[in-house]
Amino acid sequence: MPSNSEFVAGMNIEVLLAQLRSLCWGAADILLSYARGEEPPFGFPKALSVEDGGEGPVSAADLAVNSWLLDGLEKKFPHANWALLSEEMVKENLFDGNKINTEWLWILDPLDGTKDFLQGTGEYAVHLALVKDQSPLLGVVLLPEVEELWIGVIGLGAWCENRKGSITRPSFSKRKLVSELVMVASRNHRDERLETLIKTLGIGSTKAVGSVGCKVATILRGETDLYVSLSGKSAPKDWDMAAPEAVLRAAGGDFTHADQRSLIYNNGDLRQEGCILASHGFIHSLLCDKALNSMLSIDPNFSV
């Protein structure tokens, strides 16, 4: 837990975190109710099927969590000097590829891992990050099905809380040889180029997991060591990456492009294109070098 300190425009971080905890566990209840076909809490409408004039549980859950979190922040901190951006609001906030003109920006994905939500794997998450000058400084990754709330504050550390407030710390694996590493990969977004990169890197084994937040959580628990995102125009968006990056970096891990450039948020293009690696950090530079060299032979025209 961080000590009391000013964080945003004189705001005490403990006050901010207390509100985030309350909002996140409320969001967990909302998502769990929609996932199980139960009556949602807090007055949100029950999901209707397309046949009944609705858009199904995913859209209903997305909109409910989006409203719950953003309205909750605005009501608790009505005078805070920040802006709000989510996947559900992007058409309202971004025009002609221009970034949002603000120093502080909340970036929200109310439901990351929609296919896993529908498939019932439980590997979906809520991502919420506070970005300052295009770099995430605070992130929360909520995993409703396993009741884990991962919190990371750059410079203050990272930890995991359950509903009762019990805290566990990140526990990276001790694996440092590339041939021993376990890579966490997407279950639903894999192509031949990524499969070739995995083989070329010489990674020991892979594990398929849904949401980016769930993937990063496996690194934080020590179950895996490395995650690679390899994509172009269909790349993950800011809201997919910002919160998991904040938590992993706060814990001491790394989250960069293969050429070790930092990810940039709120730059007018929501896509996080290229070859992006997230790891426990022990041999991150080596992994980046290997990935960079591998991509030169796999696809010389691919922008990492």
C-alpha atoms as a PDB file:
ATOM      1  CA  MET A   1       0.000   0.000   0.000  1.00  0.00           C
ATOM      2  CA  PRO A   2       1.336   3.453  -0.787  1.00  0.00           C
ATOM      3  CA  SER A   3       1.729   6.018   1.937  1.00  0.00           C
ATOM      4  CA  ASN A   4      -0.403   9.151   1.953  1.00  0.00           C
ATOM      5  CA  SER A   5       0.788  11.525  -0.733  1.00  0.00           C
ATOM      6  CA  GLU A   6      -0.545  14.030  -3.207  1.00  0.00           C
ATOM      7  CA  PHE A   7      -1.128  12.576  -6.633  1.00  0.00           C
ATOM      8  CA  VAL A   8      -3.441  14.568  -8.893  1.00  0.00           C
ATOM      9  CA  ALA A   9      -3.767  18.305  -8.355  1.00  0.00           C
ATOM     10  CA  GLY A  10      -3.373  17.999  -4.591  1.00  0.00           C
ATOM     11  CA  MET A  11      -5.599  14.918  -4.317  1.00  0.00           C
ATOM     12  CA  ASN A  12      -4.658  12.379  -1.650  1.00  0.00           C
ATOM     13  CA  ILE A  13      -3.977   9.052  -3.320  1.00  0.00           C
ATOM     14  CA  GLU A  14      -5.549   7.048  -0.495  1.00  0.00           C
ATOM     15  CA  VAL A  15      -8.836   8.873  -1.070  1.00  0.00           C
ATOM     16  CA  LEU A  16      -8.608   8.090  -4.779  1.00  0.00           C
ATOM     17  CA  LEU A  17      -7.772   4.420  -4.195  1.00  0.00           C
ATOM     18  CA  ALA A  18     -10.602   4.014  -1.699  1.00  0.00           C
ATOM     19  CA  GLN A  19     -13.079   5.208  -4.307  1.00  0.00           C
ATOM     20  CA  LEU A  20     -11.537   2.991  -6.980  1.00  0.00           C
ATOM     21  CA  ARG A  21     -11.890  -0.056  -4.733  1.00  0.00           C
ATOM     22  CA  SER A  22     -15.567   0.643  -4.133  1.00  0.00           C
ATOM     23  CA  LEU A  23     -16.265   1.284  -7.797  1.00  0.00           C
ATOM     24  CA  CYS A  24     -14.326  -1.769  -8.992  1.00  0.00           C
ATOM     25  CA  TRP A  25     -16.084  -4.258  -6.716  1.00  0.00           C
ATOM     26  CA  GLY A  26     -19.375  -2.742  -7.796  1.00  0.00           C
ATOM     27  CA  ALA A  27     -18.285  -3.277 -11.409  1.00  0.00           C
ATOM     28  CA  ALA A  28     -17.458  -6.897 -10.553  1.00  0.00           C
ATOM     29  CA  ASP A  29     -20.996  -7.433  -9.256  1.00  0.00           C
ATOM     30  CA  ILE A  30     -22.417  -5.913 -12.429  1.00  0.00           C
ATOM     31  CA  LEU A  31     -20.361  -8.121 -14.745  1.00  0.00           C
ATOM     32  CA  LEU A  32     -20.963 -11.287 -12.747  1.00  0.00           C
ATOM     33  CA  SER A  33     -24.709 -10.706 -12.818  1.00  0.00           C
ATOM     34  CA  TYR A  34     -24.747 -10.288 -16.607  1.00  0.00           C
ATOM     35  CA  ALA A  35     -22.427 -13.256 -17.102  1.00  0.00           C
ATOM     36  CA  ARG A  36     -24.784 -15.471 -15.103  1.00  0.00           C
ATOM     37  CA  GLY A  37     -28.028 -14.086 -16.499  1.00  0.00           C
ATOM     38  CA  GLU A  38     -29.073 -12.654 -13.136  1.00  0.00           C
ATOM     39  CA  GLU A  39     -30.748  -9.367 -12.241  1.00  0.00           C
ATOM     40  CA  PRO A  40     -28.054  -6.638 -12.321  1.00  0.00           C
ATOM     41  CA  PRO A  41     -27.474  -4.487  -9.219  1.00  0.00           C
ATOM     42  CA  PHE A  42     -27.677  -0.682  -8.896  1.00  0.00           C
ATOM     43  CA  GLY A  43     -30.769  -0.410 -11.097  1.00  0.00           C
ATOM     44  CA  PHE A  44     -29.143  -1.427 -14.368  1.00  0.00           C
ATOM     45  CA  PRO A  45     -31.457  -3.166 -16.863  1.00  0.00           C
ATOM     46  CA  LYS A  46     -31.413  -6.883 -17.422  1.00  0.00           C
ATOM     47  CA  ALA A  47     -29.821  -7.929 -20.702  1.00  0.00           C
ATOM     48  CA  LEU A  48     -32.235  -8.522 -23.558  1.00  0.00           C
ATOM     49  CA  SER A  49     -31.522 -10.812 -26.476  1.00  0.00           C
ATOM     50  CA  VAL A  50     -31.589  -9.475 -30.026  1.00  0.00           C
ATOM     51  CA  GLU A  51     -34.882 -11.303 -30.535  1.00  0.00           C
ATOM     52  CA  ASP A  52     -36.329  -9.340 -27.612  1.00  0.00           C
ATOM     53  CA  GLY A  53     -35.125  -5.984 -28.920  1.00  0.00           C
ATOM     54  CA  GLY A  54     -31.834  -5.823 -27.020  1.00  0.00           C
ATOM     55  CA  GLU A  55     -28.154  -6.211 -27.859  1.00  0.00           C
ATOM     56  CA  GLY A  56     -27.287  -9.117 -25.590  1.00  0.00           C
ATOM     57  CA  PRO A  57     -25.264  -9.407 -22.354  1.00  0.00           C
ATOM     58  CA  VAL A  58     -21.979  -8.054 -23.699  1.00  0.00           C
ATOM     59  CA  SER A  59     -23.358  -4.697 -24.790  1.00  0.00           C
ATOM     60  CA  ALA A  60     -25.505  -4.423 -21.667  1.00  0.00           C
ATOM     61  CA  ALA A  61     -22.538  -5.215 -19.403  1.00  0.00           C
ATOM     62  CA  ASP A  62     -20.245  -2.855 -21.330  1.00  0.00           C
ATOM     63  CA  LEU A  63     -22.628   0.062 -21.013  1.00  0.00           C
ATOM     64  CA  ALA A  64     -23.495  -0.602 -17.385  1.00  0.00           C
ATOM     65  CA  VAL A  65     -19.888  -0.819 -16.191  1.00  0.00           C
ATOM     66  CA  ASN A  66     -18.931   2.175 -18.318  1.00  0.00           C
ATOM     67  CA  SER A  67     -21.664   4.258 -16.693  1.00  0.00           C
ATOM     68  CA  TRP A  68     -20.973   2.934 -13.186  1.00  0.00           C
ATOM     69  CA  LEU A  69     -17.263   3.742 -13.241  1.00  0.00           C
ATOM     70  CA  LEU A  70     -17.242   7.051 -15.082  1.00  0.00           C
ATOM     71  CA  ASP A  71     -20.282   8.447 -13.282  1.00  0.00           C
ATOM     72  CA  GLY A  72     -18.786   7.305 -10.003  1.00  0.00           C
ATOM     73  CA  LEU A  73     -15.537   9.165 -10.627  1.00  0.00           C
ATOM     74  CA  GLU A  74     -17.340  12.310 -11.717  1.00  0.00           C
ATOM     75  CA  LYS A  75     -19.646  12.316  -8.680  1.00  0.00           C
ATOM     76  CA  LYS A  76     -16.847  11.690  -6.177  1.00  0.00           C
ATOM     77  CA  PHE A  77     -14.383  14.132  -7.759  1.00  0.00           C
ATOM     78  CA  PRO A  78     -16.506  16.761  -9.546  1.00  0.00           C
ATOM     79  CA  HIS A  79     -13.707  19.336  -9.648  1.00  0.00           C
ATOM     80  CA  ALA A  80     -10.808  17.049 -10.581  1.00  0.00           C
ATOM     81  CA  ASN A  81      -8.647  18.294 -13.428  1.00  0.00           C
ATOM     82  CA  TRP A  82      -8.886  15.210 -15.634  1.00  0.00           C
ATOM     83  CA  ALA A  83     -10.737  13.958 -18.698  1.00  0.00           C
ATOM     84  CA  LEU A  84     -12.417  10.597 -19.269  1.00  0.00           C
ATOM     85  CA  LEU A  85     -12.125   8.260 -22.247  1.00  0.00           C
ATOM     86  CA  SER A  86     -13.573   4.811 -22.777  1.00  0.00           C
ATOM     87  CA  GLU A  87     -14.272   2.495 -25.656  1.00  0.00           C
ATOM     88  CA  GLU A  88     -17.969   3.369 -25.319  1.00  0.00           C
ATOM     89  CA  MET A  89     -17.283   7.134 -25.529  1.00  0.00           C
ATOM     90  CA  VAL A  90     -14.622   7.274 -28.213  1.00  0.00           C
ATOM     91  CA  LYS A  91     -16.902   8.685 -30.920  1.00  0.00           C
ATOM     92  CA  GLU A  92     -17.882  11.508 -28.587  1.00  0.00           C
ATOM     93  CA  ASN A  93     -14.354  12.407 -27.488  1.00  0.00           C
ATOM     94  CA  LEU A  94     -12.060  11.976 -30.494  1.00  0.00           C
ATOM     95  CA  PHE A  95     -12.444  13.841 -33.751  1.00  0.00           C
ATOM     96  CA  ASP A  96     -10.324  13.645 -36.912  1.00  0.00           C
ATOM     97  CA  GLY A  97      -7.547  11.747 -35.124  1.00  0.00           C
ATOM     98  CA  ASN A  98      -6.830  14.529 -32.645  1.00  0.00           C
ATOM     99  CA  LYS A  99      -5.766  13.658 -29.122  1.00  0.00           C
ATOM    100  CA  ILE A 100      -7.771  14.824 -26.121  1.00  0.00           C
ATOM    101  CA  ASN A 101      -6.323  18.089 -24.866  1.00  0.00           C
ATOM    102  CA  THR A 102      -5.609  17.256 -21.231  1.00  0.00           C
ATOM    103  CA  GLU A 103      -2.682  16.520 -18.940  1.00  0.00           C
ATOM    104  CA  TRP A 104      -4.549  13.832 -16.976  1.00  0.00           C
ATOM    105  CA  LEU A 105      -6.754  11.262 -18.696  1.00  0.00           C
ATOM    106  CA  TRP A 106      -8.658   8.231 -17.448  1.00  0.00           C
ATOM    107  CA  ILE A 107      -8.706   5.431 -20.040  1.00  0.00           C
ATOM    108  CA  LEU A 108     -11.327   2.734 -19.464  1.00  0.00           C
ATOM    109  CA  ASP A 109     -12.166  -0.612 -20.984  1.00  0.00           C
ATOM    110  CA  PRO A 110     -15.334  -1.702 -19.146  1.00  0.00           C
ATOM    111  CA  LEU A 111     -15.082  -5.247 -20.514  1.00  0.00           C
ATOM    112  CA  ASP A 112     -11.829  -6.531 -21.992  1.00  0.00           C
ATOM    113  CA  GLY A 113     -12.169 -10.052 -23.318  1.00  0.00           C
ATOM    114  CA  THR A 114     -15.686 -10.024 -24.749  1.00  0.00           C
ATOM    115  CA  LYS A 115     -15.292 -13.388 -26.500  1.00  0.00           C
ATOM    116  CA  ASP A 116     -14.165 -14.972 -23.234  1.00  0.00           C
ATOM    117  CA  PHE A 117     -17.112 -13.336 -21.470  1.00  0.00           C
ATOM    118  CA  LEU A 118     -19.468 -14.963 -23.981  1.00  0.00           C
ATOM    119  CA  GLN A 119     -17.602 -18.292 -24.024  1.00  0.00           C
ATOM    120  CA  GLY A 120     -17.736 -18.529 -20.235  1.00  0.00           C
ATOM    121  CA  THR A 121     -13.986 -18.949 -19.723  1.00  0.00           C
ATOM    122  CA  GLY A 122     -13.979 -16.330 -16.955  1.00  0.00           C
ATOM    123  CA  GLU A 123     -10.937 -14.675 -18.526  1.00  0.00           C
ATOM    124  CA  TYR A 124     -12.328 -11.174 -18.891  1.00  0.00           C
ATOM    125  CA  ALA A 125     -11.356  -8.005 -17.054  1.00  0.00           C
ATOM    126  CA  VAL A 126     -12.021  -4.347 -16.389  1.00  0.00           C
ATOM    127  CA  HIS A 127      -9.150  -1.966 -17.202  1.00  0.00           C
ATOM    128  CA  LEU A 128      -8.915   1.554 -15.808  1.00  0.00           C
ATOM    129  CA  ALA A 129      -5.776   3.671 -16.079  1.00  0.00           C
ATOM    130  CA  LEU A 130      -4.901   7.236 -15.196  1.00  0.00           C
ATOM    131  CA  VAL A 131      -2.534   8.639 -17.811  1.00  0.00           C
ATOM    132  CA  LYS A 132      -0.397  11.740 -17.354  1.00  0.00           C
ATOM    133  CA  ASP A 133       1.220  13.335 -20.394  1.00  0.00           C
ATOM    134  CA  GLN A 134       0.564  10.191 -22.493  1.00  0.00           C
ATOM    135  CA  SER A 135       2.089   7.725 -19.996  1.00  0.00           C
ATOM    136  CA  PRO A 136       0.058   5.651 -17.490  1.00  0.00           C
ATOM    137  CA  LEU A 137       0.877   6.356 -13.838  1.00  0.00           C
ATOM    138  CA  LEU A 138      -1.923   4.409 -12.153  1.00  0.00           C
ATOM    139  CA  GLY A 139      -3.732   1.312 -13.288  1.00  0.00           C
ATOM    140  CA  VAL A 140      -6.339  -1.075 -11.953  1.00  0.00           C
ATOM    141  CA  VAL A 141      -7.086  -4.450 -13.516  1.00  0.00           C
ATOM    142  CA  LEU A 142     -10.172  -6.144 -12.109  1.00  0.00           C
ATOM    143  CA  LEU A 143     -10.691  -9.886 -12.622  1.00  0.00           C
ATOM    144  CA  PRO A 144     -14.269 -10.488 -11.399  1.00  0.00           C
ATOM    145  CA  GLU A 145     -14.388 -14.275 -11.683  1.00  0.00           C
ATOM    146  CA  VAL A 146     -11.344 -14.868  -9.445  1.00  0.00           C
ATOM    147  CA  GLU A 147     -11.999 -11.800  -7.260  1.00  0.00           C
ATOM    148  CA  GLU A 148      -8.639 -10.142  -7.897  1.00  0.00           C
ATOM    149  CA  LEU A 149      -8.146  -6.386  -8.037  1.00  0.00           C
ATOM    150  CA  TRP A 150      -4.646  -5.580  -9.263  1.00  0.00           C
ATOM    151  CA  ILE A 151      -3.525  -2.034  -8.482  1.00  0.00           C
ATOM    152  CA  GLY A 152      -0.326  -0.379  -9.654  1.00  0.00           C
ATOM    153  CA  VAL A 153       1.007   3.114  -9.044  1.00  0.00           C
ATOM    154  CA  ILE A 154       4.260   3.997 -10.784  1.00  0.00           C
ATOM    155  CA  GLY A 155       6.853   4.817  -8.145  1.00  0.00           C
ATOM    156  CA  LEU A 156       4.793   3.329  -5.310  1.00  0.00           C
ATOM    157  CA  GLY A 157       4.456  -0.311  -6.341  1.00  0.00           C
ATOM    158  CA  ALA A 158       1.784  -2.848  -7.214  1.00  0.00           C
ATOM    159  CA  TRP A 159      -0.348  -5.287  -5.275  1.00  0.00           C
ATOM    160  CA  CYS A 160      -3.478  -7.440  -5.504  1.00  0.00           C
ATOM    161  CA  GLU A 161      -6.520  -7.141  -3.254  1.00  0.00           C
ATOM    162  CA  ASN A 162      -9.524  -9.402  -2.762  1.00  0.00           C
ATOM    163  CA  ARG A 163     -12.996  -8.288  -1.680  1.00  0.00           C
ATOM    164  CA  LYS A 164     -12.043  -8.503   1.989  1.00  0.00           C
ATOM    165  CA  GLY A 165      -9.049  -6.222   1.444  1.00  0.00           C
ATOM    166  CA  SER A 166      -6.400  -8.898   1.917  1.00  0.00           C
ATOM    167  CA  ILE A 167      -3.262  -7.989  -0.012  1.00  0.00           C
ATOM    168  CA  THR A 168      -0.809 -10.128  -1.942  1.00  0.00           C
ATOM    169  CA  ARG A 169       2.267  -8.890  -3.750  1.00  0.00           C
ATOM    170  CA  PRO A 170       3.390  -9.713  -7.281  1.00  0.00           C
ATOM    171  CA  SER A 171       5.534 -12.835  -7.392  1.00  0.00           C
ATOM    172  CA  PHE A 172       7.482 -13.012 -10.642  1.00  0.00           C
ATOM    173  CA  SER A 173       8.921 -16.366 -11.622  1.00  0.00           C
ATOM    174  CA  LYS A 174      12.667 -16.886 -11.346  1.00  0.00           C
ATOM    175  CA  ARG A 175      12.925 -18.166 -14.918  1.00  0.00           C
ATOM    176  CA  LYS A 176      15.590 -16.276 -16.848  1.00  0.00           C
ATOM    177  CA  LEU A 177      16.683 -18.647 -19.615  1.00  0.00           C
ATOM    178  CA  VAL A 178      14.708 -18.048 -22.805  1.00  0.00           C
ATOM    179  CA  SER A 179      14.263 -21.788 -23.274  1.00  0.00           C
ATOM    180  CA  GLU A 180      12.554 -21.985 -19.868  1.00  0.00           C
ATOM    181  CA  LEU A 181      10.205 -19.033 -20.257  1.00  0.00           C
ATOM    182  CA  VAL A 182       6.446 -19.466 -20.423  1.00  0.00           C
ATOM    183  CA  MET A 183       4.733 -17.124 -22.859  1.00  0.00           C
ATOM    184  CA  VAL A 184       1.096 -16.145 -22.405  1.00  0.00           C
ATOM    185  CA  ALA A 185      -0.669 -15.707 -25.727  1.00  0.00           C
ATOM    186  CA  SER A 186      -4.116 -14.864 -26.995  1.00  0.00           C
ATOM    187  CA  ARG A 187      -6.705 -17.570 -27.378  1.00  0.00           C
ATOM    188  CA  ASN A 188      -8.683 -15.694 -30.019  1.00  0.00           C
ATOM    189  CA  HIS A 189      -6.168 -13.423 -31.806  1.00  0.00           C
ATOM    190  CA  ARG A 190      -3.301 -15.499 -33.217  1.00  0.00           C
ATOM    191  CA  ASP A 191      -1.965 -15.578 -36.755  1.00  0.00           C
ATOM    192  CA  GLU A 192       0.832 -17.308 -38.644  1.00  0.00           C
ATOM    193  CA  ARG A 193       3.219 -14.400 -38.097  1.00  0.00           C
ATOM    194  CA  LEU A 194       2.863 -14.619 -34.303  1.00  0.00           C
ATOM    195  CA  GLU A 195       3.206 -18.398 -34.347  1.00  0.00           C
ATOM    196  CA  THR A 196       6.430 -18.034 -36.345  1.00  0.00           C
ATOM    197  CA  LEU A 197       7.774 -15.430 -33.917  1.00  0.00           C
ATOM    198  CA  ILE A 198       7.087 -17.701 -30.944  1.00  0.00           C
ATOM    199  CA  LYS A 199       9.045 -20.517 -32.596  1.00  0.00           C
ATOM    200  CA  THR A 200      11.894 -18.213 -33.600  1.00  0.00           C
ATOM    201  CA  LEU A 201      12.264 -16.809 -30.091  1.00  0.00           C
ATOM    202  CA  GLY A 202      12.768 -20.315 -28.735  1.00  0.00           C
ATOM    203  CA  ILE A 203      10.342 -19.857 -25.838  1.00  0.00           C
ATOM    204  CA  GLY A 204       9.947 -22.924 -23.641  1.00  0.00           C
ATOM    205  CA  SER A 205       6.157 -23.146 -23.664  1.00  0.00           C
ATOM    206  CA  THR A 206       2.982 -21.115 -24.178  1.00  0.00           C
ATOM    207  CA  LYS A 207      -0.284 -20.687 -22.345  1.00  0.00           C
ATOM    208  CA  ALA A 208      -3.497 -19.404 -23.931  1.00  0.00           C
ATOM    209  CA  VAL A 209      -5.401 -16.768 -21.916  1.00  0.00           C
ATOM    210  CA  GLY A 210      -8.119 -14.256 -22.801  1.00  0.00           C
ATOM    211  CA  SER A 211      -8.057 -10.578 -21.766  1.00  0.00           C
ATOM    212  CA  VAL A 212      -4.787  -8.609 -21.765  1.00  0.00           C
ATOM    213  CA  GLY A 213      -5.429  -7.916 -18.088  1.00  0.00           C
ATOM    214  CA  CYS A 214      -5.737 -11.637 -17.413  1.00  0.00           C
ATOM    215  CA  LYS A 215      -2.529 -12.254 -19.367  1.00  0.00           C
ATOM    216  CA  VAL A 216      -0.557  -9.711 -17.369  1.00  0.00           C
ATOM    217  CA  ALA A 217      -1.981 -11.133 -14.135  1.00  0.00           C
ATOM    218  CA  THR A 218      -0.407 -14.495 -14.991  1.00  0.00           C
ATOM    219  CA  ILE A 219       2.980 -12.745 -15.245  1.00  0.00           C
ATOM    220  CA  LEU A 220       2.400 -10.990 -11.921  1.00  0.00           C
ATOM    221  CA  ARG A 221       1.563 -14.317 -10.267  1.00  0.00           C
ATOM    222  CA  GLY A 222       4.647 -15.994 -11.740  1.00  0.00           C
ATOM    223  CA  GLU A 223       2.663 -18.438 -13.843  1.00  0.00           C
ATOM    224  CA  THR A 224       4.062 -16.995 -17.089  1.00  0.00           C
ATOM    225  CA  ASP A 225       6.899 -14.643 -17.993  1.00  0.00           C
ATOM    226  CA  LEU A 226       6.166 -12.952 -21.314  1.00  0.00           C
ATOM    227  CA  TYR A 227       3.331 -11.600 -23.424  1.00  0.00           C
ATOM    228  CA  VAL A 228       3.704 -10.493 -27.050  1.00  0.00           C
ATOM    229  CA  SER A 229       1.238  -8.421 -29.045  1.00  0.00           C
ATOM    230  CA  LEU A 230       1.926  -8.492 -32.777  1.00  0.00           C
ATOM    231  CA  SER A 231      -0.545  -6.602 -34.919  1.00  0.00           C
ATOM    232  CA  GLY A 232      -1.047  -3.875 -37.483  1.00  0.00           C
ATOM    233  CA  LYS A 233      -4.286  -2.110 -38.369  1.00  0.00           C
ATOM    234  CA  SER A 234      -6.352  -4.422 -36.151  1.00  0.00           C
ATOM    235  CA  ALA A 235      -4.099  -3.663 -33.183  1.00  0.00           C
ATOM    236  CA  PRO A 236      -5.204  -3.458 -29.542  1.00  0.00           C
ATOM    237  CA  LYS A 237      -6.387  -0.014 -28.493  1.00  0.00           C
ATOM    238  CA  ASP A 238      -5.243   2.321 -25.741  1.00  0.00           C
ATOM    239  CA  TRP A 239      -7.814   0.892 -23.335  1.00  0.00           C
ATOM    240  CA  ASP A 240      -6.500  -2.644 -23.872  1.00  0.00           C
ATOM    241  CA  MET A 241      -2.959  -1.775 -22.812  1.00  0.00           C
ATOM    242  CA  ALA A 242      -2.844   1.242 -20.478  1.00  0.00           C
ATOM    243  CA  ALA A 243      -3.992  -0.327 -17.199  1.00  0.00           C
ATOM    244  CA  PRO A 244      -2.117  -3.636 -17.579  1.00  0.00           C
ATOM    245  CA  GLU A 245       1.026  -1.682 -18.477  1.00  0.00           C
ATOM    246  CA  ALA A 246       0.727   0.541 -15.412  1.00  0.00           C
ATOM    247  CA  VAL A 247       0.326  -2.414 -13.057  1.00  0.00           C
ATOM    248  CA  LEU A 248       3.146  -4.459 -14.593  1.00  0.00           C
ATOM    249  CA  ARG A 249       5.603  -1.552 -14.666  1.00  0.00           C
ATOM    250  CA  ALA A 250       4.697  -0.542 -11.113  1.00  0.00           C
ATOM    251  CA  ALA A 251       5.520  -4.105 -10.063  1.00  0.00           C
ATOM    252  CA  GLY A 252       8.966  -3.863 -11.674  1.00  0.00           C
ATOM    253  CA  GLY A 253       8.244  -5.494 -15.012  1.00  0.00           C
ATOM    254  CA  ASP A 254       8.601  -4.029 -18.498  1.00  0.00           C
ATOM    255  CA  PHE A 255       6.094  -3.192 -21.240  1.00  0.00           C
ATOM    256  CA  THR A 256       7.608  -1.796 -24.471  1.00  0.00           C
ATOM    257  CA  HIS A 257       7.872  -2.097 -28.221  1.00  0.00           C
ATOM    258  CA  ALA A 258      10.454  -4.555 -29.524  1.00  0.00           C
ATOM    259  CA  ASP A 259      12.851  -1.653 -30.143  1.00  0.00           C
ATOM    260  CA  GLN A 260      12.273  -0.744 -26.453  1.00  0.00           C
ATOM    261  CA  ARG A 261      10.297   2.398 -27.215  1.00  0.00           C
ATOM    262  CA  SER A 262       7.661   3.246 -24.646  1.00  0.00           C
ATOM    263  CA  LEU A 263       3.993   2.968 -25.535  1.00  0.00           C
ATOM    264  CA  ILE A 264       2.372   6.366 -26.095  1.00  0.00           C
ATOM    265  CA  TYR A 265      -1.269   6.997 -25.228  1.00  0.00           C
ATOM    266  CA  ASN A 266      -3.712   9.699 -26.312  1.00  0.00           C
ATOM    267  CA  ASN A 267      -1.775  10.575 -29.456  1.00  0.00           C
ATOM    268  CA  GLY A 268      -4.761  10.761 -31.798  1.00  0.00           C
ATOM    269  CA  ASP A 269      -4.443   7.139 -32.955  1.00  0.00           C
ATOM    270  CA  LEU A 270      -5.967   4.715 -30.481  1.00  0.00           C
ATOM    271  CA  ARG A 271      -4.225   1.692 -31.995  1.00  0.00           C
ATOM    272  CA  GLN A 272      -1.189   0.225 -30.251  1.00  0.00           C
ATOM    273  CA  GLU A 273       0.366  -1.231 -33.395  1.00  0.00           C
ATOM    274  CA  GLY A 274       3.613  -3.128 -33.735  1.00  0.00           C
ATOM    275  CA  CYS A 275       5.528  -5.777 -31.836  1.00  0.00           C
ATOM    276  CA  ILE A 276       4.936  -5.114 -28.134  1.00  0.00           C
ATOM    277  CA  LEU A 277       6.445  -7.171 -25.330  1.00  0.00           C
ATOM    278  CA  ALA A 278       5.412  -7.317 -21.688  1.00  0.00           C
ATOM    279  CA  SER A 279       7.599  -9.320 -19.317  1.00  0.00           C
ATOM    280  CA  HIS A 280       8.785  -9.808 -15.749  1.00  0.00           C
ATOM    281  CA  GLY A 281      11.739  -7.661 -16.774  1.00  0.00           C
ATOM    282  CA  PHE A 282      14.680  -9.894 -15.925  1.00  0.00           C
ATOM    283  CA  ILE A 283      15.807 -10.320 -19.541  1.00  0.00           C
ATOM    284  CA  HIS A 284      13.498  -7.864 -21.273  1.00  0.00           C
ATOM    285  CA  SER A 285      16.250  -6.269 -23.360  1.00  0.00           C
ATOM    286  CA  LEU A 286      17.396  -9.670 -24.617  1.00  0.00           C
ATOM    287  CA  LEU A 287      13.836 -10.662 -25.523  1.00  0.00           C
ATOM    288  CA  CYS A 288      13.319  -7.380 -27.358  1.00  0.00           C
ATOM    289  CA  ASP A 289      16.536  -7.846 -29.331  1.00  0.00           C
ATOM    290  CA  LYS A 290      15.558 -11.387 -30.304  1.00  0.00           C
ATOM    291  CA  ALA A 291      12.068 -10.276 -31.333  1.00  0.00           C
ATOM    292  CA  LEU A 292      13.420  -7.341 -33.323  1.00  0.00           C
ATOM    293  CA  ASN A 293      15.872  -9.548 -35.220  1.00  0.00           C
ATOM    294  CA  SER A 294      13.246 -12.219 -35.764  1.00  0.00           C
ATOM    295  CA  MET A 295      10.772  -9.765 -37.269  1.00  0.00           C
ATOM    296  CA  LEU A 296      13.384  -8.679 -39.819  1.00  0.00           C
ATOM    297  CA  SER A 297      13.205 -12.151 -41.329  1.00  0.00           C
ATOM    298  CA  ILE A 298       9.516 -12.861 -40.658  1.00  0.00           C
ATOM    299  CA  ASP A 299       8.239  -9.590 -42.149  1.00  0.00           C
ATOM    300  CA  PRO A 300      10.872  -6.953 -43.030  1.00  0.00           C
ATOM    301  CA  ASN A 301       8.169  -4.380 -43.752  1.00  0.00           C
ATOM    302  CA  PHE A 302       6.458  -4.759 -40.381  1.00  0.00           C
ATOM    303  CA  SER A 303       6.766  -1.651 -38.189  1.00  0.00           C
ATOM    304  CA  VAL A 304       7.648  -2.794 -34.681  1.00  0.00           C
END
